[in-house]
Amino acid sequence: MILLKALWGRIWPYIAAVGVVLAGLLAVRQSGKSAARTEAAAKINEQAAQARKEQRDVENEIASLDDDAVDRRLDEWVRRK
């Protein structure tokens, strides 16, 4: 029993050090995941803003055309039999 107490007294600091290192690694990993999520969300928002701008530009261009001009533009995209 005394031997186990002596052994535990010698091993305890190493176990604590390993625990601190593992906690540090976990914190760094979580920080990296959070940064990656934030970066991905920013990229998605940027792409969505660009898509909305393109949509607005196309809608404005189509709204300014008369029916014949719209029909001619559709001929480029639609096959007619």
N, C-alpha and C. Protein backbone atom coordinates (compact mmCIF):
# COMPACT_ATOMS: atom_id res chain seq x y z
N MET A 1 0.81 -1.20 0.00
CA MET A 1 0.00 0.00 0.00
C MET A 1 0.86 1.26 0.00
N ILE A 2 1.89 1.24 0.80
CA ILE A 2 2.80 2.38 0.85
C ILE A 2 3.49 2.55 -0.50
N LEU A 3 3.81 1.43 -1.12
CA LEU A 3 4.46 1.46 -2.43
C LEU A 3 3.53 2.11 -3.46
N LEU A 4 2.24 1.79 -3.41
CA LEU A 4 1.28 2.39 -4.35
C LEU A 4 1.15 3.89 -4.11
N LYS A 5 1.14 4.30 -2.85
CA LYS A 5 1.06 5.74 -2.56
C LYS A 5 2.30 6.46 -3.05
N ALA A 6 3.45 5.87 -2.87
CA ALA A 6 4.70 6.48 -3.35
C ALA A 6 4.72 6.54 -4.87
N LEU A 7 4.28 5.45 -5.50
CA LEU A 7 4.23 5.42 -6.97
C LEU A 7 3.24 6.46 -7.49
N TRP A 8 2.07 6.53 -6.87
CA TRP A 8 1.06 7.51 -7.29
C TRP A 8 1.60 8.94 -7.12
N GLY A 9 2.31 9.20 -6.06
CA GLY A 9 2.90 10.51 -5.82
C GLY A 9 3.93 10.90 -6.88
N ARG A 10 4.64 9.91 -7.40
CA ARG A 10 5.64 10.19 -8.44
C ARG A 10 4.99 10.31 -9.83
N ILE A 11 3.94 9.55 -10.08
CA ILE A 11 3.31 9.54 -11.41
C ILE A 11 2.34 10.70 -11.59
N TRP A 12 1.71 11.16 -10.54
CA TRP A 12 0.67 12.19 -10.63
C TRP A 12 1.08 13.41 -11.45
N PRO A 13 2.27 14.00 -11.27
CA PRO A 13 2.63 15.18 -12.08
C PRO A 13 2.67 14.88 -13.58
N TYR A 14 3.12 13.68 -13.95
CA TYR A 14 3.16 13.31 -15.37
C TYR A 14 1.75 13.15 -15.94
N ILE A 15 0.88 12.55 -15.16
CA ILE A 15 -0.51 12.41 -15.61
C ILE A 15 -1.15 13.78 -15.78
N ALA A 16 -0.90 14.69 -14.85
CA ALA A 16 -1.44 16.05 -14.95
C ALA A 16 -0.88 16.76 -16.17
N ALA A 17 0.43 16.58 -16.45
CA ALA A 17 1.05 17.22 -17.61
C ALA A 17 0.44 16.70 -18.91
N VAL A 18 0.23 15.40 -18.99
CA VAL A 18 -0.39 14.82 -20.19
C VAL A 18 -1.81 15.37 -20.35
N GLY A 19 -2.54 15.49 -19.26
CA GLY A 19 -3.88 16.06 -19.32
C GLY A 19 -3.88 17.49 -19.81
N VAL A 20 -2.92 18.29 -19.35
CA VAL A 20 -2.81 19.69 -19.79
C VAL A 20 -2.47 19.75 -21.28
N VAL A 21 -1.57 18.91 -21.73
CA VAL A 21 -1.20 18.88 -23.15
C VAL A 21 -2.40 18.49 -24.01
N LEU A 22 -3.13 17.46 -23.58
CA LEU A 22 -4.31 17.04 -24.35
C LEU A 22 -5.37 18.14 -24.38
N ALA A 23 -5.57 18.82 -23.26
CA ALA A 23 -6.53 19.92 -23.24
C ALA A 23 -6.09 21.05 -24.18
N GLY A 24 -4.79 21.32 -24.22
CA GLY A 24 -4.27 22.34 -25.13
C GLY A 24 -4.48 21.97 -26.59
N LEU A 25 -4.20 20.70 -26.92
CA LEU A 25 -4.41 20.25 -28.29
C LEU A 25 -5.88 20.33 -28.69
N LEU A 26 -6.75 19.96 -27.78
CA LEU A 26 -8.18 20.05 -28.05
C LEU A 26 -8.61 21.49 -28.28
N ALA A 27 -8.09 22.40 -27.48
CA ALA A 27 -8.43 23.82 -27.64
C ALA A 27 -7.95 24.35 -28.98
N VAL A 28 -6.73 23.98 -29.39
CA VAL A 28 -6.21 24.42 -30.69
C VAL A 28 -7.04 23.85 -31.83
N ARG A 29 -7.43 22.59 -31.71
CA ARG A 29 -8.25 21.95 -32.75
C ARG A 29 -9.60 22.66 -32.88
N GLN A 30 -10.24 22.93 -31.76
CA GLN A 30 -11.54 23.60 -31.78
C GLN A 30 -11.41 25.01 -32.36
N SER A 31 -10.33 25.68 -32.03
CA SER A 31 -10.11 27.03 -32.55
C SER A 31 -9.95 27.00 -34.08
N GLY A 32 -9.22 26.00 -34.57
CA GLY A 32 -9.05 25.86 -36.02
C GLY A 32 -10.35 25.54 -36.72
N LYS A 33 -11.17 24.68 -36.11
CA LYS A 33 -12.46 24.34 -36.71
C LYS A 33 -13.37 25.57 -36.75
N SER A 34 -13.33 26.35 -35.70
CA SER A 34 -14.16 27.55 -35.64
C SER A 34 -13.73 28.55 -36.71
N ALA A 35 -12.42 28.71 -36.86
CA ALA A 35 -11.90 29.64 -37.88
C ALA A 35 -12.28 29.16 -39.28
N ALA A 36 -12.21 27.87 -39.52
CA ALA A 36 -12.57 27.33 -40.83
C ALA A 36 -14.05 27.52 -41.11
N ARG A 37 -14.89 27.33 -40.08
CA ARG A 37 -16.33 27.55 -40.26
C ARG A 37 -16.61 29.01 -40.60
N THR A 38 -15.96 29.92 -39.89
CA THR A 38 -16.16 31.34 -40.14
C THR A 38 -15.72 31.72 -41.55
N GLU A 39 -14.59 31.18 -41.98
CA GLU A 39 -14.08 31.45 -43.32
C GLU A 39 -15.02 30.90 -44.39
N ALA A 40 -15.53 29.71 -44.18
CA ALA A 40 -16.46 29.10 -45.14
C ALA A 40 -17.76 29.90 -45.22
N ALA A 41 -18.25 30.36 -44.08
CA ALA A 41 -19.48 31.16 -44.07
C ALA A 41 -19.27 32.48 -44.81
N ALA A 42 -18.11 33.10 -44.62
CA ALA A 42 -17.82 34.36 -45.31
C ALA A 42 -17.75 34.14 -46.83
N LYS A 43 -17.16 33.03 -47.25
CA LYS A 43 -17.07 32.73 -48.68
C LYS A 43 -18.45 32.49 -49.28
N ILE A 44 -19.29 31.75 -48.55
CA ILE A 44 -20.66 31.49 -49.03
C ILE A 44 -21.44 32.79 -49.14
N ASN A 45 -21.31 33.66 -48.15
CA ASN A 45 -22.00 34.95 -48.19
C ASN A 45 -21.53 35.80 -49.36
N GLU A 46 -20.22 35.77 -49.63
CA GLU A 46 -19.68 36.53 -50.76
C GLU A 46 -20.23 36.01 -52.09
N GLN A 47 -20.28 34.69 -52.23
CA GLN A 47 -20.81 34.09 -53.45
C GLN A 47 -22.30 34.40 -53.61
N ALA A 48 -23.03 34.38 -52.51
CA ALA A 48 -24.46 34.68 -52.57
C ALA A 48 -24.68 36.14 -52.96
N ALA A 49 -23.87 37.03 -52.45
CA ALA A 49 -23.99 38.45 -52.81
C ALA A 49 -23.70 38.65 -54.30
N GLN A 50 -22.69 37.95 -54.81
CA GLN A 50 -22.36 38.05 -56.23
C GLN A 50 -23.51 37.50 -57.08
N ALA A 51 -24.11 36.39 -56.66
CA ALA A 51 -25.23 35.81 -57.42
C ALA A 51 -26.43 36.75 -57.41
N ARG A 52 -26.69 37.40 -56.26
CA ARG A 52 -27.81 38.36 -56.21
C ARG A 52 -27.55 39.54 -57.13
N LYS A 53 -26.30 40.01 -57.20
CA LYS A 53 -25.96 41.13 -58.08
C LYS A 53 -26.16 40.74 -59.55
N GLU A 54 -25.71 39.53 -59.91
CA GLU A 54 -25.89 39.08 -61.29
C GLU A 54 -27.37 38.94 -61.63
N GLN A 55 -28.14 38.42 -60.70
CA GLN A 55 -29.58 38.27 -60.92
C GLN A 55 -30.24 39.64 -61.12
N ARG A 56 -29.86 40.59 -60.29
CA ARG A 56 -30.42 41.94 -60.41
C ARG A 56 -30.06 42.56 -61.76
N ASP A 57 -28.80 42.37 -62.19
CA ASP A 57 -28.37 42.91 -63.48
C ASP A 57 -29.16 42.31 -64.63
N VAL A 58 -29.37 41.00 -64.60
CA VAL A 58 -30.12 40.33 -65.67
C VAL A 58 -31.57 40.80 -65.66
N GLU A 59 -32.17 40.87 -64.48
CA GLU A 59 -33.56 41.32 -64.39
C GLU A 59 -33.71 42.74 -64.91
N ASN A 60 -32.77 43.62 -64.60
CA ASN A 60 -32.82 45.00 -65.09
C ASN A 60 -32.67 45.05 -66.61
N GLU A 61 -31.77 44.22 -67.12
CA GLU A 61 -31.55 44.20 -68.57
C GLU A 61 -32.80 43.69 -69.29
N ILE A 62 -33.39 42.61 -68.79
CA ILE A 62 -34.59 42.05 -69.42
C ILE A 62 -35.76 43.03 -69.31
N ALA A 63 -35.88 43.70 -68.19
CA ALA A 63 -36.98 44.64 -68.00
C ALA A 63 -36.88 45.81 -68.98
N SER A 64 -35.68 46.13 -69.41
CA SER A 64 -35.52 47.27 -70.31
C SER A 64 -35.76 46.89 -71.78
N LEU A 65 -35.88 45.60 -72.09
CA LEU A 65 -36.08 45.16 -73.47
C LEU A 65 -37.56 45.08 -73.81
N ASP A 66 -37.87 45.25 -75.10
CA ASP A 66 -39.25 45.06 -75.53
C ASP A 66 -39.48 43.58 -75.81
N ASP A 67 -40.71 43.20 -76.12
CA ASP A 67 -41.07 41.80 -76.28
C ASP A 67 -40.29 41.11 -77.40
N ASP A 68 -40.08 41.79 -78.51
CA ASP A 68 -39.34 41.19 -79.62
C ASP A 68 -37.89 40.93 -79.24
N ALA A 69 -37.29 41.86 -78.54
CA ALA A 69 -35.90 41.68 -78.12
C ALA A 69 -35.77 40.53 -77.12
N VAL A 70 -36.73 40.41 -76.22
CA VAL A 70 -36.72 39.29 -75.27
C VAL A 70 -36.88 37.98 -76.02
N ASP A 71 -37.76 37.95 -77.02
CA ASP A 71 -37.98 36.75 -77.81
C ASP A 71 -36.70 36.35 -78.55
N ARG A 72 -35.99 37.33 -79.10
CA ARG A 72 -34.73 37.03 -79.79
C ARG A 72 -33.70 36.47 -78.81
N ARG A 73 -33.65 37.02 -77.61
CA ARG A 73 -32.69 36.52 -76.60
C ARG A 73 -33.05 35.10 -76.18
N LEU A 74 -34.35 34.81 -76.09
CA LEU A 74 -34.76 33.47 -75.71
C LEU A 74 -34.41 32.44 -76.78
N ASP A 75 -34.39 32.87 -78.03
CA ASP A 75 -34.02 31.96 -79.10
C ASP A 75 -32.61 31.41 -78.91
N GLU A 76 -31.74 32.16 -78.25
CA GLU A 76 -30.39 31.68 -77.99
C GLU A 76 -30.37 30.55 -76.96
N TRP A 77 -31.38 30.51 -76.08
CA TRP A 77 -31.38 29.58 -74.97
C TRP A 77 -32.38 28.44 -75.12
N VAL A 78 -33.43 28.63 -75.91
CA VAL A 78 -34.49 27.65 -75.99
C VAL A 78 -34.55 27.10 -77.41
N ARG A 79 -34.65 25.78 -77.49
CA ARG A 79 -34.85 25.15 -78.80
C ARG A 79 -36.33 25.18 -79.11
N ARG A 80 -36.65 25.59 -80.29
CA ARG A 80 -38.05 25.62 -80.69
C ARG A 80 -38.22 24.67 -81.85
N LYS A 81 -39.34 23.99 -81.85
CA LYS A 81 -39.61 23.02 -82.91
C LYS A 81 -40.33 23.67 -84.05
